[in-house]
Amino acid sequence: MWKRMLEQLWEGHPRKMAGLGIGAVLGIIYLFFGFWHMLIFALIVYTGYYIGKRLDRGEPAFPVEDIWRQLMDKWRLFR
């Protein structure tokens, strides 16, 4: 049952699952070798999930153009 569910998730959302897995592995490494900060662990896992989710939707992992456009619109007042 679990194997079939994981296969369906992997087929439907491969990058999201990979991001979640990478985030979980990095989080476990942090927990094992660092302090036991569960909030940091959750943040690392969520970041991996979020990046994978964006890649599944065909969006860039880091929206550099959107951020640049927002900054330029904000600072345009001083020109």
Foldseek 3Di string as FASTA:
>chain_A
DVVVVVVVCCVLQVQLVVLLVVLQVVLVVCVVPHPNDVVVSVVSNVLSNQLSVCVSVVHHSDPPVVVVVVVCVVPVVVD
